[in-house]
Structure formats: C-alpha cells, structure tokens
Amino acid sequence: MDLQFRVQLATEHCRSLCHKLQVVELQIDSSIYTQDTVAALSKVRDHLSSRRAAVNSALKDVKQSLQAYADLGEPFTKVAKRYLAVHNELASVQQSLATFAELERELTGPQ
C-alpha cells in the first residue's frame, strides 16, 4: 500500500470514530435529558434564580444599612461598641444564672 493512501485511510477511520463518538454522546444526552428531567431542571433553575435575586437584594439592603451606620460617625461607633459589650456581658450573666439554677436543682433534688 502506498503511504499517502494509508494516511488517508487512517484519517478517514479517525473521522469515522469521531462521528461514532458524537452519536454515542447524543444518545446519552437524549437518554438523560428527557422531557421530565428538562422540566425539573427548569424548575430548579427558576428557583435558584429567584433565590439569587433575593440574596442580592438582601445584600444590597445590608450594604445600605452599613453605610448609613458608617455615615453616623465616631459617636455612633462608640455607642454601638458599648452596646455590644453590654449585650455580651448580659448574655454571660444570663448563662451563669442558668448554670446556677441547674446546680441548685441538682443539689435540692426533685420536688
């Protein structure tokens, strides 16, 4: 056989195999993407799109709120920091009281 003929034969064989692979890929796609699965995927996409829009809207609102607080300046920052400290201290005291109440119940037994 002539070398050029063998190269052409191999080339055509490769093209044929590529076409067979494309057919197999399309068969797989058609078995996976049925009318029902496409409808379900569409619903999932719509749900995710609406959730994404809601999250983006919430993020925008939070950024606006943060900017509004930042615009209040240093006096507000000091008040906010003090509020946070008092809030954390209150939570700690409430936890301690709950612990003491639990210990008291354990010591006194069921009533």
N, C-alpha and C. Protein backbone atom coordinates (compact mmCIF):
# COMPACT_ATOMS: atom_id res chain seq x y z
N MET A 1 0.82 -1.18 0.00
CA MET A 1 0.00 0.00 0.00
C MET A 1 0.87 1.25 0.00
N ASP A 2 0.37 2.21 -0.65
CA ASP A 2 1.03 3.50 -0.76
C ASP A 2 0.90 4.24 0.57
N LEU A 3 1.94 4.96 1.01
CA LEU A 3 1.93 5.66 2.29
C LEU A 3 0.84 6.72 2.32
N GLN A 4 0.65 7.46 1.27
CA GLN A 4 -0.37 8.50 1.22
C GLN A 4 -1.76 7.88 1.37
N PHE A 5 -1.96 6.74 0.77
CA PHE A 5 -3.25 6.04 0.87
C PHE A 5 -3.49 5.59 2.31
N ARG A 6 -2.45 5.10 2.97
CA ARG A 6 -2.58 4.63 4.35
C ARG A 6 -2.89 5.80 5.29
N VAL A 7 -2.26 6.94 5.04
CA VAL A 7 -2.53 8.13 5.85
C VAL A 7 -3.98 8.56 5.65
N GLN A 8 -4.43 8.57 4.41
CA GLN A 8 -5.80 8.96 4.11
C GLN A 8 -6.79 7.98 4.75
N LEU A 9 -6.46 6.69 4.70
CA LEU A 9 -7.31 5.67 5.30
C LEU A 9 -7.39 5.87 6.82
N ALA A 10 -6.25 6.13 7.45
CA ALA A 10 -6.23 6.35 8.90
C ALA A 10 -7.01 7.62 9.25
N THR A 11 -6.88 8.65 8.44
CA THR A 11 -7.59 9.89 8.67
C THR A 11 -9.10 9.66 8.60
N GLU A 12 -9.54 8.95 7.60
CA GLU A 12 -10.97 8.67 7.45
C GLU A 12 -11.48 7.78 8.57
N HIS A 13 -10.65 6.85 9.01
CA HIS A 13 -11.02 5.99 10.13
C HIS A 13 -11.19 6.83 11.41
N CYS A 14 -10.28 7.77 11.62
CA CYS A 14 -10.39 8.67 12.79
C CYS A 14 -11.66 9.51 12.71
N ARG A 15 -11.97 10.03 11.53
CA ARG A 15 -13.20 10.81 11.36
C ARG A 15 -14.42 9.95 11.67
N SER A 16 -14.39 8.72 11.21
CA SER A 16 -15.49 7.80 11.45
C SER A 16 -15.67 7.55 12.95
N LEU A 17 -14.56 7.35 13.64
CA LEU A 17 -14.63 7.13 15.09
C LEU A 17 -15.15 8.38 15.81
N CYS A 18 -14.74 9.56 15.34
CA CYS A 18 -15.23 10.80 15.94
C CYS A 18 -16.74 10.92 15.76
N HIS A 19 -17.23 10.57 14.59
CA HIS A 19 -18.68 10.61 14.35
C HIS A 19 -19.42 9.60 15.22
N LYS A 20 -18.81 8.43 15.39
CA LYS A 20 -19.43 7.43 16.27
C LYS A 20 -19.51 7.95 17.70
N LEU A 21 -18.44 8.61 18.15
CA LEU A 21 -18.44 9.19 19.49
C LEU A 21 -19.51 10.27 19.64
N GLN A 22 -19.68 11.07 18.60
CA GLN A 22 -20.72 12.10 18.64
C GLN A 22 -22.11 11.46 18.73
N VAL A 23 -22.31 10.37 18.02
CA VAL A 23 -23.60 9.67 18.07
C VAL A 23 -23.84 9.12 19.48
N VAL A 24 -22.81 8.51 20.06
CA VAL A 24 -22.94 7.98 21.42
C VAL A 24 -23.24 9.11 22.41
N GLU A 25 -22.55 10.24 22.26
CA GLU A 25 -22.79 11.39 23.13
C GLU A 25 -24.23 11.88 23.01
N LEU A 26 -24.73 11.96 21.81
CA LEU A 26 -26.11 12.39 21.60
C LEU A 26 -27.11 11.38 22.17
N GLN A 27 -26.80 10.08 22.06
CA GLN A 27 -27.67 9.07 22.63
C GLN A 27 -27.72 9.19 24.16
N ILE A 28 -26.56 9.43 24.75
CA ILE A 28 -26.51 9.61 26.20
C ILE A 28 -27.31 10.85 26.61
N ASP A 29 -27.09 11.95 25.88
CA ASP A 29 -27.83 13.18 26.19
C ASP A 29 -29.33 12.98 26.07
N SER A 30 -29.76 12.29 25.03
CA SER A 30 -31.20 12.09 24.84
C SER A 30 -31.79 11.17 25.90
N SER A 31 -30.98 10.26 26.43
CA SER A 31 -31.50 9.40 27.49
C SER A 31 -31.51 10.12 28.84
N ILE A 32 -30.60 11.07 29.03
CA ILE A 32 -30.54 11.82 30.30
C ILE A 32 -31.56 12.95 30.30
N TYR A 33 -31.59 13.71 29.23
CA TYR A 33 -32.42 14.91 29.18
C TYR A 33 -33.77 14.61 28.53
N THR A 34 -34.60 13.92 29.31
CA THR A 34 -35.96 13.63 28.85
C THR A 34 -36.82 14.86 29.09
N GLN A 35 -38.04 14.81 28.65
CA GLN A 35 -38.96 15.93 28.83
C GLN A 35 -39.16 16.21 30.32
N ASP A 36 -39.25 15.15 31.11
CA ASP A 36 -39.45 15.32 32.56
C ASP A 36 -38.23 15.92 33.24
N THR A 37 -37.03 15.42 32.88
CA THR A 37 -35.83 15.95 33.54
C THR A 37 -35.57 17.39 33.13
N VAL A 38 -35.85 17.73 31.90
CA VAL A 38 -35.67 19.12 31.46
C VAL A 38 -36.64 20.04 32.20
N ALA A 39 -37.87 19.59 32.40
CA ALA A 39 -38.85 20.38 33.16
C ALA A 39 -38.39 20.55 34.60
N ALA A 40 -37.88 19.47 35.20
CA ALA A 40 -37.41 19.55 36.58
C ALA A 40 -36.20 20.48 36.69
N LEU A 41 -35.28 20.37 35.75
CA LEU A 41 -34.11 21.24 35.77
C LEU A 41 -34.51 22.70 35.58
N SER A 42 -35.52 22.93 34.78
CA SER A 42 -36.01 24.29 34.57
C SER A 42 -36.57 24.86 35.87
N LYS A 43 -37.32 24.04 36.61
CA LYS A 43 -37.86 24.48 37.90
C LYS A 43 -36.74 24.79 38.88
N VAL A 44 -35.73 23.93 38.90
CA VAL A 44 -34.59 24.16 39.80
C VAL A 44 -33.89 25.46 39.42
N ARG A 45 -33.66 25.68 38.12
CA ARG A 45 -33.02 26.91 37.67
C ARG A 45 -33.84 28.13 38.07
N ASP A 46 -35.15 28.06 37.89
CA ASP A 46 -36.01 29.19 38.25
C ASP A 46 -35.95 29.47 39.75
N HIS A 47 -35.99 28.39 40.54
CA HIS A 47 -35.93 28.55 42.00
C HIS A 47 -34.59 29.18 42.40
N LEU A 48 -33.50 28.67 41.84
CA LEU A 48 -32.18 29.21 42.18
C LEU A 48 -32.04 30.66 41.73
N SER A 49 -32.61 30.97 40.60
CA SER A 49 -32.55 32.36 40.10
C SER A 49 -33.31 33.30 41.04
N SER A 50 -34.47 32.87 41.51
CA SER A 50 -35.24 33.73 42.41
C SER A 50 -34.53 33.86 43.76
N ARG A 51 -33.94 32.78 44.24
CA ARG A 51 -33.19 32.84 45.50
C ARG A 51 -31.98 33.77 45.36
N ARG A 52 -31.32 33.67 44.22
CA ARG A 52 -30.16 34.53 43.99
C ARG A 52 -30.57 35.99 43.98
N ALA A 53 -31.68 36.30 43.34
CA ALA A 53 -32.19 37.66 43.30
C ALA A 53 -32.52 38.14 44.72
N ALA A 54 -33.14 37.27 45.51
CA ALA A 54 -33.49 37.64 46.89
C ALA A 54 -32.23 37.89 47.73
N VAL A 55 -31.24 37.04 47.56
CA VAL A 55 -29.99 37.21 48.31
C VAL A 55 -29.28 38.50 47.88
N ASN A 56 -29.27 38.77 46.58
CA ASN A 56 -28.64 40.00 46.10
C ASN A 56 -29.37 41.23 46.64
N SER A 57 -30.70 41.16 46.71
CA SER A 57 -31.47 42.27 47.26
C SER A 57 -31.17 42.46 48.75
N ALA A 58 -31.10 41.35 49.49
CA ALA A 58 -30.78 41.42 50.92
C ALA A 58 -29.38 41.98 51.12
N LEU A 59 -28.44 41.56 50.29
CA LEU A 59 -27.07 42.05 50.39
C LEU A 59 -27.02 43.56 50.13
N LYS A 60 -27.78 44.01 49.16
CA LYS A 60 -27.84 45.44 48.86
C LYS A 60 -28.39 46.21 50.06
N ASP A 61 -29.45 45.68 50.68
CA ASP A 61 -30.04 46.33 51.85
C ASP A 61 -29.05 46.40 53.01
N VAL A 62 -28.32 45.31 53.23
CA VAL A 62 -27.34 45.28 54.32
C VAL A 62 -26.22 46.29 54.06
N LYS A 63 -25.77 46.36 52.81
CA LYS A 63 -24.71 47.33 52.48
C LYS A 63 -25.20 48.75 52.70
N GLN A 64 -26.45 49.03 52.35
CA GLN A 64 -27.01 50.36 52.56
C GLN A 64 -27.11 50.67 54.05
N SER A 65 -27.52 49.67 54.84
CA SER A 65 -27.61 49.87 56.29
C SER A 65 -26.23 50.13 56.89
N LEU A 66 -25.25 49.36 56.47
CA LEU A 66 -23.90 49.56 56.98
C LEU A 66 -23.37 50.94 56.61
N GLN A 67 -23.66 51.38 55.41
CA GLN A 67 -23.22 52.71 55.00
C GLN A 67 -23.92 53.79 55.82
N ALA A 68 -25.21 53.58 56.09
CA ALA A 68 -25.95 54.54 56.92
C ALA A 68 -25.34 54.62 58.32
N TYR A 69 -24.98 53.48 58.90
CA TYR A 69 -24.35 53.49 60.22
C TYR A 69 -22.97 54.14 60.15
N ALA A 70 -22.23 53.85 59.10
CA ALA A 70 -20.90 54.45 58.96
C ALA A 70 -21.01 55.96 58.83
N ASP A 71 -22.05 56.43 58.16
CA ASP A 71 -22.25 57.87 57.98
C ASP A 71 -22.56 58.59 59.29
N LEU A 72 -23.01 57.84 60.31
CA LEU A 72 -23.31 58.47 61.60
C LEU A 72 -22.05 58.90 62.34
N GLY A 73 -20.92 58.32 61.96
CA GLY A 73 -19.65 58.77 62.51
C GLY A 73 -19.22 58.09 63.79
N GLU A 74 -18.14 58.65 64.36
CA GLU A 74 -17.47 58.08 65.53
C GLU A 74 -18.35 58.00 66.78
N PRO A 75 -19.17 59.01 67.08
CA PRO A 75 -20.00 58.88 68.29
C PRO A 75 -20.92 57.66 68.24
N PHE A 76 -21.50 57.40 67.09
CA PHE A 76 -22.36 56.22 66.97
C PHE A 76 -21.54 54.94 67.12
N THR A 77 -20.34 54.92 66.55
CA THR A 77 -19.48 53.74 66.66
C THR A 77 -19.18 53.43 68.12
N LYS A 78 -18.91 54.46 68.90
CA LYS A 78 -18.63 54.26 70.33
C LYS A 78 -19.86 53.69 71.04
N VAL A 79 -21.03 54.23 70.74
CA VAL A 79 -22.27 53.74 71.36
C VAL A 79 -22.51 52.29 70.95
N ALA A 80 -22.31 51.99 69.68
CA ALA A 80 -22.54 50.62 69.19
C ALA A 80 -21.58 49.64 69.85
N LYS A 81 -20.32 50.03 70.01
CA LYS A 81 -19.34 49.15 70.67
C LYS A 81 -19.72 48.93 72.14
N ARG A 82 -20.15 49.98 72.79
CA ARG A 82 -20.56 49.86 74.19
C ARG A 82 -21.80 48.97 74.31
N TYR A 83 -22.75 49.15 73.39
CA TYR A 83 -23.95 48.31 73.38
C TYR A 83 -23.56 46.84 73.21
N LEU A 84 -22.63 46.56 72.29
CA LEU A 84 -22.20 45.19 72.07
C LEU A 84 -21.56 44.61 73.32
N ALA A 85 -20.73 45.40 74.00
CA ALA A 85 -20.08 44.93 75.23
C ALA A 85 -21.12 44.62 76.30
N VAL A 86 -22.09 45.52 76.47
CA VAL A 86 -23.15 45.30 77.48
C VAL A 86 -23.99 44.09 77.09
N HIS A 87 -24.31 43.96 75.84
CA HIS A 87 -25.09 42.82 75.37
C HIS A 87 -24.35 41.50 75.66
N ASN A 88 -23.06 41.46 75.36
CA ASN A 88 -22.27 40.25 75.61
C ASN A 88 -22.17 39.95 77.10
N GLU A 89 -22.01 41.00 77.91
CA GLU A 89 -21.96 40.81 79.35
C GLU A 89 -23.29 40.28 79.88
N LEU A 90 -24.39 40.82 79.36
CA LEU A 90 -25.71 40.36 79.75
C LEU A 90 -25.89 38.87 79.39
N ALA A 91 -25.47 38.49 78.22
CA ALA A 91 -25.58 37.09 77.80
C ALA A 91 -24.75 36.20 78.72
N SER A 92 -23.58 36.67 79.11
CA SER A 92 -22.72 35.89 80.00
C SER A 92 -23.37 35.73 81.38
N VAL A 93 -23.94 36.81 81.89
CA VAL A 93 -24.61 36.75 83.20
C VAL A 93 -25.83 35.82 83.13
N GLN A 94 -26.59 35.90 82.05
CA GLN A 94 -27.74 35.02 81.90
C GLN A 94 -27.31 33.55 81.85
N GLN A 95 -26.20 33.28 81.18
CA GLN A 95 -25.69 31.91 81.13
C GLN A 95 -25.26 31.44 82.51
N SER A 96 -24.61 32.33 83.27
CA SER A 96 -24.20 31.99 84.64
C SER A 96 -25.41 31.72 85.51
N LEU A 97 -26.44 32.55 85.40
CA LEU A 97 -27.66 32.32 86.19
C LEU A 97 -28.30 30.99 85.83
N ALA A 98 -28.32 30.65 84.56
CA ALA A 98 -28.89 29.37 84.14
C ALA A 98 -28.07 28.22 84.73
N THR A 99 -26.76 28.37 84.74
CA THR A 99 -25.89 27.33 85.31
C THR A 99 -26.15 27.18 86.81
N PHE A 100 -26.24 28.31 87.51
CA PHE A 100 -26.53 28.25 88.93
C PHE A 100 -27.89 27.63 89.21
N ALA A 101 -28.88 27.97 88.42
CA ALA A 101 -30.21 27.40 88.60
C ALA A 101 -30.16 25.88 88.39
N GLU A 102 -29.42 25.44 87.41
CA GLU A 102 -29.28 24.00 87.16
C GLU A 102 -28.58 23.31 88.32
N LEU A 103 -27.52 23.92 88.84
CA LEU A 103 -26.81 23.36 90.00
C LEU A 103 -27.74 23.30 91.22
N GLU A 104 -28.53 24.36 91.40
CA GLU A 104 -29.44 24.39 92.53
C GLU A 104 -30.46 23.26 92.42
N ARG A 105 -30.98 23.01 91.21
CA ARG A 105 -31.93 21.92 91.02
C ARG A 105 -31.27 20.57 91.32
N GLU A 106 -30.01 20.42 90.92
CA GLU A 106 -29.30 19.17 91.19
C GLU A 106 -29.08 18.96 92.68
N LEU A 107 -28.77 20.05 93.39
CA LEU A 107 -28.50 19.95 94.82
C LEU A 107 -29.76 19.71 95.64
N THR A 108 -30.83 20.33 95.25
CA THR A 108 -32.06 20.19 96.03
C THR A 108 -32.85 18.95 95.65
N GLY A 109 -32.56 18.40 94.49
CA GLY A 109 -33.25 17.18 94.08
C GLY A 109 -34.64 17.50 93.54
N PRO A 110 -35.34 16.45 93.10
CA PRO A 110 -36.70 16.66 92.54
C PRO A 110 -37.66 17.09 93.66
N GLN A 111 -38.56 17.96 93.30
CA GLN A 111 -39.52 18.44 94.30
C GLN A 111 -40.91 18.07 93.94
